[in-house]
N, C-alpha and C. Protein backbone atom coordinates (compact mmCIF):
# COMPACT_ATOMS: atom_id res chain seq x y z
N UNK A 1 -9.85 14.65 -7.97
CA UNK A 1 -10.09 14.52 -6.66
C UNK A 1 -8.84 14.41 -5.94
N UNK A 2 -7.86 13.69 -6.20
CA UNK A 2 -6.57 13.12 -5.81
C UNK A 2 -5.64 14.46 -6.11
N UNK A 3 -5.91 15.16 -7.12
CA UNK A 3 -5.04 16.26 -7.01
C UNK A 3 -5.46 17.31 -5.82
N UNK A 4 -6.69 17.47 -5.81
CA UNK A 4 -7.17 18.46 -4.50
C UNK A 4 -6.58 17.80 -3.24
N UNK A 5 -6.86 16.47 -3.05
CA UNK A 5 -6.03 16.06 -1.59
C UNK A 5 -4.65 16.00 -1.65
N UNK A 6 -4.02 16.10 -2.82
CA UNK A 6 -2.59 15.87 -2.70
C UNK A 6 -2.22 17.38 -2.38
N UNK A 7 -2.81 18.57 -2.82
CA UNK A 7 -2.66 19.88 -2.90
C UNK A 7 -2.95 20.22 -1.37
N UNK A 8 -4.00 19.81 -0.46
CA UNK A 8 -4.45 20.21 0.55
C UNK A 8 -3.55 19.25 1.63
N UNK A 9 -3.01 17.99 1.40
CA UNK A 9 -2.82 17.51 2.66
C UNK A 9 -1.13 16.54 2.33
N UNK A 10 -0.87 16.75 0.83
CA UNK A 10 0.67 16.10 0.35
C UNK A 10 1.45 16.90 -0.16
N UNK A 11 1.64 18.19 0.40
CA UNK A 11 2.38 19.23 -0.38
C UNK A 11 3.81 18.56 -0.19
N UNK A 12 4.00 18.01 0.99
CA UNK A 12 5.43 17.48 1.01
C UNK A 12 5.88 16.11 0.42
N UNK A 13 4.81 15.68 -0.35
CA UNK A 13 4.94 14.36 -1.33
C UNK A 13 5.34 14.93 -2.69
N UNK A 14 4.92 16.27 -3.13
CA UNK A 14 4.83 16.57 -4.60
C UNK A 14 6.15 16.37 -4.95
N UNK A 15 7.27 16.67 -4.58
CA UNK A 15 8.67 16.66 -4.96
C UNK A 15 8.61 15.16 -5.11
N UNK A 16 8.70 14.28 -4.26
CA UNK A 16 8.81 13.05 -4.33
C UNK A 16 8.21 12.33 -5.64
N UNK A 17 7.06 12.50 -5.74
CA UNK A 17 6.42 11.72 -6.68
C UNK A 17 6.43 12.39 -8.17
N UNK A 18 7.12 13.63 -8.25
CA UNK A 18 7.62 14.06 -9.59
C UNK A 18 8.81 13.46 -9.84
N UNK A 19 9.80 13.44 -8.66
CA UNK A 19 11.13 12.87 -9.26
C UNK A 19 10.79 10.97 -9.50
N UNK A 20 10.00 10.56 -8.75
CA UNK A 20 9.48 9.51 -9.16
C UNK A 20 8.92 9.09 -10.37
N UNK A 21 8.37 9.98 -10.74
CA UNK A 21 7.53 9.93 -12.20
C UNK A 21 8.57 9.90 -13.30
N UNK A 22 9.45 11.19 -12.74
CA UNK A 22 10.39 11.45 -13.84
C UNK A 22 11.53 10.29 -14.16
N UNK A 23 11.73 9.78 -13.20
CA UNK A 23 12.92 8.41 -13.11
C UNK A 23 11.86 7.54 -14.10
N UNK A 24 10.89 7.15 -13.83
CA UNK A 24 9.97 6.24 -15.17
C UNK A 24 10.28 6.51 -16.37
N UNK A 25 10.60 7.83 -16.82
CA UNK A 25 10.44 8.49 -17.85
C UNK A 25 11.84 8.35 -18.46
N UNK A 26 12.82 8.35 -17.70
CA UNK A 26 14.20 8.26 -17.92
C UNK A 26 14.51 6.57 -18.05
N UNK A 27 13.96 5.83 -17.40
CA UNK A 27 14.33 4.39 -17.80
C UNK A 27 13.25 3.63 -18.54
N UNK A 28 12.15 4.43 -19.16
CA UNK A 28 11.65 4.01 -20.05
C UNK A 28 12.20 3.59 -21.67
N UNK A 29 12.54 2.25 -22.00
CA UNK A 29 13.35 2.20 -23.26
C UNK A 29 14.79 2.03 -22.88
N UNK A 30 15.36 2.53 -21.84
CA UNK A 30 16.64 2.07 -21.35
C UNK A 30 17.25 0.75 -21.06
N UNK A 31 18.27 0.50 -21.39
CA UNK A 31 18.57 -0.91 -21.00
C UNK A 31 18.71 -0.98 -19.59
N UNK A 32 18.11 -2.08 -19.04
CA UNK A 32 18.03 -1.99 -17.57
C UNK A 32 19.18 -3.11 -17.08
N UNK A 33 19.71 -3.41 -15.66
CA UNK A 33 20.31 -4.34 -15.40
C UNK A 33 19.54 -5.48 -15.29
N UNK A 34 20.23 -6.45 -15.94
CA UNK A 34 19.57 -8.12 -15.59
C UNK A 34 18.88 -8.35 -14.34
N UNK A 35 17.52 -8.77 -14.53
CA UNK A 35 17.04 -9.19 -13.28
C UNK A 35 16.48 -8.07 -12.27
N UNK A 36 16.61 -6.96 -12.94
CA UNK A 36 16.04 -5.65 -11.77
C UNK A 36 14.56 -5.51 -12.27
N UNK A 37 13.85 -5.14 -11.04
CA UNK A 37 12.45 -4.89 -11.18
C UNK A 37 12.31 -3.55 -11.76
N UNK A 38 11.84 -2.95 -12.49
CA UNK A 38 11.80 -1.50 -13.12
C UNK A 38 11.24 -0.81 -11.87
N UNK A 39 10.25 -1.03 -11.22
CA UNK A 39 9.48 -0.68 -10.16
C UNK A 39 10.50 -0.20 -9.11
N UNK A 40 11.09 -0.95 -8.49
CA UNK A 40 12.01 -0.83 -7.65
C UNK A 40 13.20 -0.23 -7.87
N UNK A 41 13.75 -0.36 -9.35
CA UNK A 41 14.76 0.54 -9.55
C UNK A 41 14.17 1.96 -9.69
N UNK A 42 13.16 2.39 -10.10
CA UNK A 42 12.68 3.66 -10.22
C UNK A 42 12.79 4.04 -8.92
N UNK A 43 12.22 3.63 -7.76
CA UNK A 43 12.27 3.73 -6.32
C UNK A 43 13.65 4.38 -5.88
N UNK A 44 14.51 3.48 -6.37
CA UNK A 44 16.10 3.43 -6.00
C UNK A 44 16.44 4.83 -6.57
N UNK A 45 16.46 4.74 -7.99
CA UNK A 45 16.83 6.29 -8.46
C UNK A 45 16.37 7.61 -8.11
N UNK A 46 14.81 7.75 -7.77
CA UNK A 46 14.36 8.66 -7.17
C UNK A 46 14.93 9.06 -6.14
N UNK A 47 15.09 7.75 -4.97
CA UNK A 47 15.81 8.33 -3.71
C UNK A 47 17.13 8.73 -3.96
N UNK A 48 17.88 8.14 -4.66
CA UNK A 48 19.26 8.87 -5.05
C UNK A 48 19.24 10.25 -5.39
N UNK A 49 18.50 10.57 -6.37
CA UNK A 49 18.21 12.31 -6.89
C UNK A 49 17.74 13.12 -5.62
N UNK A 50 16.92 12.24 -4.59
CA UNK A 50 16.34 13.31 -3.72
C UNK A 50 17.31 13.12 -2.44
N UNK A 51 18.33 12.28 -2.36
CA UNK A 51 19.35 12.02 -1.31
C UNK A 51 18.54 11.80 -0.04
N UNK A 52 17.49 10.68 -0.26
CA UNK A 52 16.50 10.17 0.88
C UNK A 52 16.78 8.62 0.64
N UNK A 53 16.32 7.92 1.82
CA UNK A 53 16.37 6.73 1.78
C UNK A 53 15.30 6.03 1.08
N UNK A 54 15.32 5.20 0.25
CA UNK A 54 14.67 4.22 -0.54
C UNK A 54 12.97 3.98 0.06
N UNK A 55 13.18 3.66 0.96
CA UNK A 55 12.11 3.35 2.12
C UNK A 55 11.22 4.58 2.04
N UNK A 56 11.67 5.62 2.33
CA UNK A 56 10.89 6.79 2.44
C UNK A 56 10.28 7.20 0.94
N UNK A 57 11.00 6.94 -0.29
CA UNK A 57 10.44 7.40 -1.38
C UNK A 57 9.27 6.14 -1.74
N UNK A 58 9.31 4.94 -1.45
CA UNK A 58 8.44 3.70 -1.34
C UNK A 58 7.15 4.21 -0.59
N UNK A 59 7.33 4.71 0.54
CA UNK A 59 6.18 4.91 1.51
C UNK A 59 5.42 6.17 0.89
N UNK A 60 5.87 7.45 0.41
CA UNK A 60 5.30 8.43 -0.19
C UNK A 60 4.47 7.65 -1.42
N UNK A 61 5.31 6.73 -2.36
CA UNK A 61 4.72 6.39 -3.65
C UNK A 61 3.45 5.49 -3.14
N UNK A 62 3.45 4.69 -1.90
CA UNK A 62 2.43 3.85 -1.77
C UNK A 62 1.09 4.45 -1.20
N UNK A 63 1.78 5.45 -0.32
CA UNK A 63 0.45 6.19 0.00
C UNK A 63 -0.37 7.02 -1.08
N UNK A 64 0.37 7.60 -1.65
CA UNK A 64 0.00 8.88 -2.42
C UNK A 64 -0.68 7.99 -3.92
N UNK A 65 0.07 6.85 -4.65
CA UNK A 65 -0.30 6.35 -5.74
C UNK A 65 -1.28 5.16 -5.69
N UNK A 66 -1.07 4.64 -4.38
CA UNK A 66 -1.97 3.09 -4.33
C UNK A 66 -3.14 3.23 -3.14
N UNK A 67 -2.59 3.71 -1.91
CA UNK A 67 -3.43 3.90 -0.67
C UNK A 67 -4.40 4.77 -0.81
N UNK A 68 -4.14 6.26 -0.90
CA UNK A 68 -4.98 7.37 -1.11
C UNK A 68 -5.89 7.06 -2.43
N UNK A 69 -5.47 6.83 -3.50
CA UNK A 69 -6.44 6.92 -4.49
C UNK A 69 -7.58 5.62 -4.48
N UNK A 70 -7.31 4.74 -3.54
CA UNK A 70 -8.29 3.94 -3.48
C UNK A 70 -9.66 4.17 -3.40
N UNK A 71 -9.69 5.04 -2.37
CA UNK A 71 -11.23 5.47 -2.10
C UNK A 71 -11.83 6.28 -3.29
N UNK A 72 -11.01 6.64 -4.36
CA UNK A 72 -11.57 7.39 -5.38
C UNK A 72 -11.92 6.80 -6.68
N UNK A 73 -11.15 5.56 -6.91
CA UNK A 73 -11.03 4.76 -7.96
C UNK A 73 -12.31 4.35 -8.43
N UNK A 74 -13.27 3.90 -7.41
CA UNK A 74 -14.33 3.08 -7.88
C UNK A 74 -15.53 4.43 -8.54
N UNK A 75 -15.48 5.39 -7.90
CA UNK A 75 -16.16 6.60 -8.15
C UNK A 75 -15.97 7.22 -9.47
N UNK A 76 -15.17 7.08 -9.80
CA UNK A 76 -14.54 7.68 -11.28
C UNK A 76 -14.25 6.57 -12.42
N UNK A 77 -14.43 5.56 -12.16
CA UNK A 77 -14.09 4.47 -12.94
C UNK A 77 -15.06 4.58 -14.37
N UNK A 78 -14.37 4.38 -15.51
CA UNK A 78 -15.10 4.45 -16.66
C UNK A 78 -15.79 2.82 -16.79
N UNK A 79 -17.10 3.33 -16.58
CA UNK A 79 -18.19 2.14 -16.37
C UNK A 79 -18.44 1.76 -17.94
N UNK A 80 -18.60 2.57 -18.86
CA UNK A 80 -18.76 1.75 -20.32
C UNK A 80 -17.74 1.09 -20.89
N UNK A 81 -16.57 1.52 -20.51
CA UNK A 81 -15.13 0.90 -21.24
C UNK A 81 -15.06 -0.48 -20.33
N UNK A 82 -15.25 -0.65 -18.96
CA UNK A 82 -15.56 -1.42 -18.03
C UNK A 82 -16.52 -2.93 -18.65
N UNK A 83 -17.67 -2.11 -18.97
CA UNK A 83 -18.87 -3.20 -19.55
C UNK A 83 -18.52 -3.76 -20.91
N UNK A 84 -17.66 -3.02 -21.41
CA UNK A 84 -17.25 -3.75 -22.73
C UNK A 84 -16.31 -4.79 -22.64
N UNK A 85 -15.45 -4.46 -21.56
CA UNK A 85 -14.02 -5.83 -21.03
C UNK A 85 -15.18 -6.96 -20.46
N UNK A 86 -16.14 -6.41 -19.67
CA UNK A 86 -17.02 -7.73 -19.23
C UNK A 86 -17.72 -8.22 -20.41
N UNK A 87 -18.36 -7.70 -21.22
CA UNK A 87 -19.18 -8.45 -22.17
C UNK A 87 -17.99 -9.27 -23.14
N UNK A 88 -16.74 -8.73 -23.52
CA UNK A 88 -15.72 -9.63 -24.17
C UNK A 88 -15.65 -10.77 -23.34
N UNK A 89 -15.32 -10.69 -21.82
CA UNK A 89 -14.92 -11.92 -21.20
C UNK A 89 -16.10 -12.71 -21.14
N UNK A 90 -17.39 -12.40 -21.01
CA UNK A 90 -18.23 -13.41 -20.94
C UNK A 90 -18.61 -14.11 -22.18
N UNK A 91 -18.27 -13.54 -23.44
CA UNK A 91 -18.71 -14.10 -24.44
C UNK A 91 -17.26 -15.12 -25.01
N UNK A 92 -16.36 -15.30 -23.85
CA UNK A 92 -15.42 -15.95 -23.97
C UNK A 92 -14.09 -15.76 -24.30
N UNK A 93 -13.98 -14.10 -24.23
CA UNK A 93 -12.58 -13.79 -25.00
C UNK A 93 -11.44 -13.65 -23.72
N UNK A 94 -10.56 -13.44 -23.98
CA UNK A 94 -9.37 -13.85 -22.79
C UNK A 94 -8.83 -12.10 -22.71
N UNK A 95 -8.93 -11.88 -21.38
CA UNK A 95 -8.13 -10.39 -21.12
C UNK A 95 -7.02 -10.51 -20.39
N UNK A 96 -6.18 -9.24 -20.31
CA UNK A 96 -5.13 -9.17 -19.60
C UNK A 96 -4.63 -7.66 -19.09
N UNK A 97 -4.13 -7.46 -18.13
CA UNK A 97 -3.89 -6.07 -17.75
C UNK A 97 -2.34 -5.97 -17.93
N UNK A 98 -1.64 -5.32 -18.62
CA UNK A 98 -0.07 -5.06 -18.47
C UNK A 98 0.15 -3.55 -17.91
N UNK A 99 0.77 -3.34 -16.99
CA UNK A 99 1.13 -2.23 -16.40
C UNK A 99 2.48 -1.89 -16.04
N UNK A 100 3.06 -0.70 -16.12
CA UNK A 100 4.38 -0.40 -15.85
C UNK A 100 4.74 -0.20 -14.09
N UNK A 101 3.16 -0.16 -13.50
CA UNK A 101 3.30 -0.05 -12.20
C UNK A 101 2.43 -1.10 -11.60
N UNK A 102 2.66 -1.49 -10.28
CA UNK A 102 1.75 -2.54 -9.45
C UNK A 102 0.38 -2.39 -9.59
N UNK A 103 -0.60 -3.07 -9.98
CA UNK A 103 -1.97 -2.95 -10.53
C UNK A 103 -3.12 -3.48 -9.71
N UNK A 104 -2.29 -4.87 -8.89
CA UNK A 104 -3.48 -5.64 -8.25
C UNK A 104 -4.33 -4.81 -7.27
N UNK A 105 -3.55 -4.04 -6.28
CA UNK A 105 -4.52 -3.18 -5.36
C UNK A 105 -5.25 -2.28 -5.90
N UNK A 106 -5.06 -1.57 -7.06
CA UNK A 106 -6.30 -0.67 -7.57
C UNK A 106 -7.16 -1.35 -8.57
N UNK A 107 -6.86 -2.65 -9.15
CA UNK A 107 -7.90 -3.31 -9.54
C UNK A 107 -8.98 -3.73 -8.38
N UNK A 108 -8.39 -4.37 -7.57
CA UNK A 108 -9.36 -4.56 -6.06
C UNK A 108 -10.22 -3.32 -5.91
N UNK A 109 -9.68 -2.22 -5.78
CA UNK A 109 -10.28 -0.97 -5.33
C UNK A 109 -11.35 -0.47 -6.28
N UNK A 110 -11.15 -0.60 -7.42
CA UNK A 110 -12.37 -0.33 -8.60
C UNK A 110 -13.37 -1.67 -8.41
N UNK A 111 -12.94 -2.71 -7.98
CA UNK A 111 -13.79 -3.89 -7.89
C UNK A 111 -13.63 -4.35 -9.46
N UNK A 112 -12.84 -4.49 -10.05
CA UNK A 112 -12.59 -5.26 -11.43
C UNK A 112 -11.55 -6.11 -11.64
N UNK A 113 -11.28 -6.93 -10.54
CA UNK A 113 -10.05 -7.86 -10.49
C UNK A 113 -10.29 -8.95 -11.28
N UNK A 114 -11.80 -9.44 -11.36
CA UNK A 114 -12.19 -10.46 -12.11
C UNK A 114 -12.28 -9.92 -13.64
N UNK A 115 -12.08 -9.13 -14.20
CA UNK A 115 -12.32 -8.62 -15.36
C UNK A 115 -10.84 -9.25 -16.45
N UNK A 116 -9.88 -9.44 -15.37
CA UNK A 116 -8.56 -9.94 -16.11
C UNK A 116 -8.32 -11.17 -15.95
N UNK A 117 -7.96 -12.11 -16.62
CA UNK A 117 -7.33 -13.29 -16.40
C UNK A 117 -5.99 -13.46 -15.84
N UNK A 118 -5.10 -12.35 -16.53
CA UNK A 118 -3.87 -12.35 -16.39
C UNK A 118 -3.35 -10.86 -16.11
N UNK A 119 -2.52 -10.39 -14.88
CA UNK A 119 -2.41 -9.26 -14.72
C UNK A 119 -0.69 -9.68 -14.52
N UNK A 120 -0.12 -8.64 -15.59
CA UNK A 120 1.53 -8.59 -15.61
C UNK A 120 1.80 -7.17 -15.24
N UNK A 121 2.45 -6.96 -14.14
CA UNK A 121 2.55 -5.64 -13.81
C UNK A 121 4.01 -5.43 -13.04
N UNK A 122 4.80 -4.36 -13.37
CA UNK A 122 6.01 -4.23 -12.86
C UNK A 122 5.90 -4.10 -11.24
N UNK A 123 6.87 -4.27 -10.56
CA UNK A 123 6.71 -4.23 -9.24
C UNK A 123 5.73 -5.24 -8.45
N UNK A 124 5.49 -6.28 -9.24
CA UNK A 124 4.57 -7.16 -8.57
C UNK A 124 5.42 -8.80 -9.17
N UNK A 125 5.11 -9.99 -8.56
CA UNK A 125 5.58 -10.81 -8.52
C UNK A 125 5.32 -11.71 -10.23
N UNK A 126 6.29 -11.92 -10.95
CA UNK A 126 5.98 -12.43 -12.39
C UNK A 126 6.18 -11.23 -13.34
N UNK A 127 6.34 -9.94 -12.91
CA UNK A 127 6.27 -8.74 -13.89
C UNK A 127 7.47 -8.63 -14.80
N UNK A 128 7.16 -7.95 -15.52
CA UNK A 128 8.30 -7.74 -16.62
C UNK A 128 9.31 -7.07 -16.08
N UNK A 129 10.60 -7.24 -16.74
CA UNK A 129 11.67 -6.76 -16.53
C UNK A 129 12.06 -5.74 -17.12
N UNK A 130 11.12 -4.73 -17.96
CA UNK A 130 11.06 -3.82 -18.66
C UNK A 130 9.97 -2.92 -18.66
N UNK A 131 10.38 -1.59 -18.91
CA UNK A 131 8.88 -0.79 -19.16
C UNK A 131 8.80 -0.71 -20.80
N UNK A 132 7.39 -0.32 -20.77
CA UNK A 132 6.95 0.23 -22.06
C UNK A 132 7.83 1.11 -22.50
N UNK A 133 8.09 1.37 -23.73
CA UNK A 133 7.71 0.76 -24.89
C UNK A 133 8.40 -0.78 -25.43
N UNK A 134 9.09 -1.27 -24.49
CA UNK A 134 9.84 -2.50 -24.79
C UNK A 134 8.34 -3.54 -24.73
N UNK A 135 8.37 -4.63 -25.60
CA UNK A 135 7.10 -5.63 -25.44
C UNK A 135 6.87 -6.46 -24.48
N UNK A 136 8.21 -6.55 -23.66
CA UNK A 136 8.02 -8.02 -22.83
C UNK A 136 7.00 -8.23 -21.92
N UNK A 137 6.32 -6.84 -21.28
CA UNK A 137 5.07 -7.14 -20.63
C UNK A 137 3.99 -8.02 -21.46
N UNK A 138 3.79 -7.16 -22.72
CA UNK A 138 2.64 -7.64 -23.54
C UNK A 138 2.73 -9.10 -24.30
N UNK A 139 4.09 -9.24 -24.22
CA UNK A 139 4.24 -10.91 -25.15
C UNK A 139 4.53 -11.88 -23.99
N UNK A 140 4.58 -11.45 -22.41
CA UNK A 140 4.30 -12.28 -21.58
C UNK A 140 2.72 -12.83 -21.30
N UNK A 141 2.00 -11.32 -21.45
CA UNK A 141 0.75 -11.66 -21.23
C UNK A 141 -0.24 -12.45 -22.09
N UNK A 142 0.39 -12.40 -23.11
CA UNK A 142 0.11 -13.23 -24.64
C UNK A 142 0.38 -14.78 -24.42
N UNK A 143 1.55 -14.84 -23.77
CA UNK A 143 1.95 -16.20 -23.38
C UNK A 143 1.26 -16.81 -22.53
N UNK A 144 1.10 -16.21 -21.10
CA UNK A 144 0.09 -16.79 -20.12
C UNK A 144 -1.24 -16.93 -20.70
N UNK A 145 -1.62 -16.16 -21.87
CA UNK A 145 -3.57 -16.29 -22.27
C UNK A 145 -3.19 -17.27 -23.17
N UNK A 146 -1.98 -17.92 -23.54
CA UNK A 146 -2.02 -18.71 -24.73
C UNK A 146 -2.51 -18.34 -26.03
N UNK A 147 -2.38 -16.90 -26.18
CA UNK A 147 -2.74 -16.35 -27.32
C UNK A 147 -1.72 -15.85 -28.23
N UNK A 148 -1.81 -16.27 -29.72
CA UNK A 148 -0.86 -15.60 -30.50
C UNK A 148 -0.94 -14.07 -30.48
N UNK A 149 0.54 -13.31 -30.25
CA UNK A 149 0.34 -11.87 -30.08
C UNK A 149 -0.09 -11.27 -31.38
N UNK A 150 0.07 -11.89 -32.61
CA UNK A 150 -0.71 -11.14 -33.74
C UNK A 150 -2.67 -11.19 -33.55
N UNK A 151 -2.90 -11.89 -32.68
CA UNK A 151 -4.53 -11.79 -32.59
C UNK A 151 -4.69 -11.12 -31.18
N UNK A 152 -4.08 -10.49 -30.75
CA UNK A 152 -3.99 -9.41 -29.55
C UNK A 152 -4.34 -7.98 -30.07
N UNK A 153 -5.29 -7.45 -29.09
CA UNK A 153 -5.58 -6.21 -28.96
C UNK A 153 -5.12 -5.60 -27.98
N UNK A 154 -4.36 -4.26 -27.89
CA UNK A 154 -3.74 -3.53 -26.95
C UNK A 154 -4.75 -2.21 -26.77
N UNK A 155 -5.39 -2.10 -25.82
CA UNK A 155 -6.09 -0.65 -25.68
C UNK A 155 -5.19 -0.04 -24.56
N UNK A 156 -4.90 1.29 -24.88
CA UNK A 156 -3.96 2.14 -23.92
C UNK A 156 -4.08 3.40 -24.11
N UNK A 157 -3.63 4.17 -23.08
CA UNK A 157 -3.77 5.72 -23.10
C UNK A 157 -2.51 6.66 -23.70
N UNK A 158 -1.24 6.00 -23.97
CA UNK A 158 -0.10 6.42 -24.39
C UNK A 158 0.48 5.59 -25.55
N UNK A 159 0.22 6.48 -26.81
CA UNK A 159 1.04 6.12 -27.94
C UNK A 159 2.14 5.72 -27.92
N UNK A 160 3.12 6.29 -27.34
CA UNK A 160 4.47 6.37 -27.18
C UNK A 160 5.12 5.24 -26.47
N UNK A 161 3.97 5.10 -25.55
CA UNK A 161 4.42 3.59 -24.79
C UNK A 161 3.86 2.29 -24.91
N UNK A 162 2.58 2.55 -24.68
CA UNK A 162 1.63 1.13 -25.13
C UNK A 162 1.38 1.16 -26.68
N UNK A 163 1.22 1.91 -27.33
CA UNK A 163 1.11 1.80 -29.01
C UNK A 163 2.34 1.48 -29.34
N UNK A 164 3.64 1.45 -28.89
CA UNK A 164 4.57 1.26 -29.70
C UNK A 164 5.11 -0.15 -28.94
N UNK A 165 5.00 -0.48 -27.91
CA UNK A 165 4.97 -1.71 -27.43
C UNK A 165 4.07 -2.74 -28.08
N UNK A 166 2.98 -2.59 -28.56
CA UNK A 166 2.10 -3.29 -29.23
C UNK A 166 2.73 -3.49 -30.84
N UNK A 167 3.36 -2.25 -31.24
CA UNK A 167 3.75 -2.64 -32.68
C UNK A 167 5.01 -3.33 -32.44
N UNK A 168 6.03 -3.34 -31.43
CA UNK A 168 7.18 -4.35 -31.39
C UNK A 168 6.87 -5.39 -30.98
N UNK A 169 5.41 -6.04 -30.17
CA UNK A 169 4.88 -7.03 -30.25
C UNK A 169 4.13 -8.01 -31.41
N UNK A 170 3.72 -7.02 -32.34
CA UNK A 170 3.08 -7.71 -33.49
C UNK A 170 1.55 -7.70 -33.40
N UNK A 171 1.10 -6.73 -32.07
CA UNK A 171 -0.03 -6.58 -31.67
C UNK A 171 -1.07 -5.34 -32.36
N UNK A 172 -2.18 -5.28 -32.49
CA UNK A 172 -2.96 -4.39 -32.90
C UNK A 172 -3.36 -3.57 -31.71
N UNK A 173 -3.18 -2.03 -31.77
CA UNK A 173 -3.27 -1.06 -30.89
C UNK A 173 -4.26 -0.18 -31.05
N UNK A 174 -5.13 0.10 -29.88
CA UNK A 174 -6.32 0.97 -29.97
C UNK A 174 -6.19 2.28 -28.78
N UNK A 175 -5.72 3.44 -29.44
CA UNK A 175 -5.55 4.62 -28.52
C UNK A 175 -6.83 5.14 -27.63
N UNK A 176 -6.85 4.93 -26.58
CA UNK A 176 -7.65 5.40 -25.48
C UNK A 176 -7.48 6.83 -25.04
N UNK A 177 -8.40 7.73 -25.64
CA UNK A 177 -8.64 9.21 -24.99
C UNK A 177 -9.50 9.51 -24.04
N UNK A 178 -9.39 10.48 -23.37
CA UNK A 178 -10.23 10.86 -22.36
C UNK A 178 -11.89 10.70 -22.55
N UNK A 179 -12.07 11.14 -23.65
CA UNK A 179 -13.84 11.16 -24.07
C UNK A 179 -14.32 9.55 -24.70
N UNK A 180 -13.39 8.68 -24.79
CA UNK A 180 -13.69 7.24 -25.36
C UNK A 180 -14.07 6.55 -24.31
N UNK A 181 -14.98 5.70 -24.51
CA UNK A 181 -15.71 4.69 -23.69
C UNK A 181 -15.70 5.28 -22.16
N UNK A 182 -16.37 6.28 -21.91
CA UNK A 182 -16.65 7.08 -20.73
C UNK A 182 -17.41 5.63 -19.83
């Protein structure tokens, strides 16, 4: 639905979003300046490549990655997967969400913010200073949960980012594919 909406009403945003996403891949695993927020750095680098103010890139990203998708997220959420997380949490399990992007607005839009005891996300206060596959975000979440990393299970959709970060953190990884836990 978002692809259709972007095609119909957001053609001018496509180049900005593509450049923004490309910059994340360029930053992934790179040595970042001390104290830098990877999300903000991604916006700044995309703006430089496009020759536009960072505020312009930030506005497009906010509109097309956070604001507009909000109306569709609840409709297309993976109910089975969310039920498993809810059952685990109800049984006393501790849960965290670790993201290379700001996550709290999307969790609220989906209606599942309460499923996570801890949220560690780039672009949000207390977020990691590196992107996956660096393990910093996962280790930060484990520390906040007061769980030993070797007792953690990481569920993610990218083996090269989530899986490698889990391996580096000493955590077990489960790769989520499109057909798993619909």
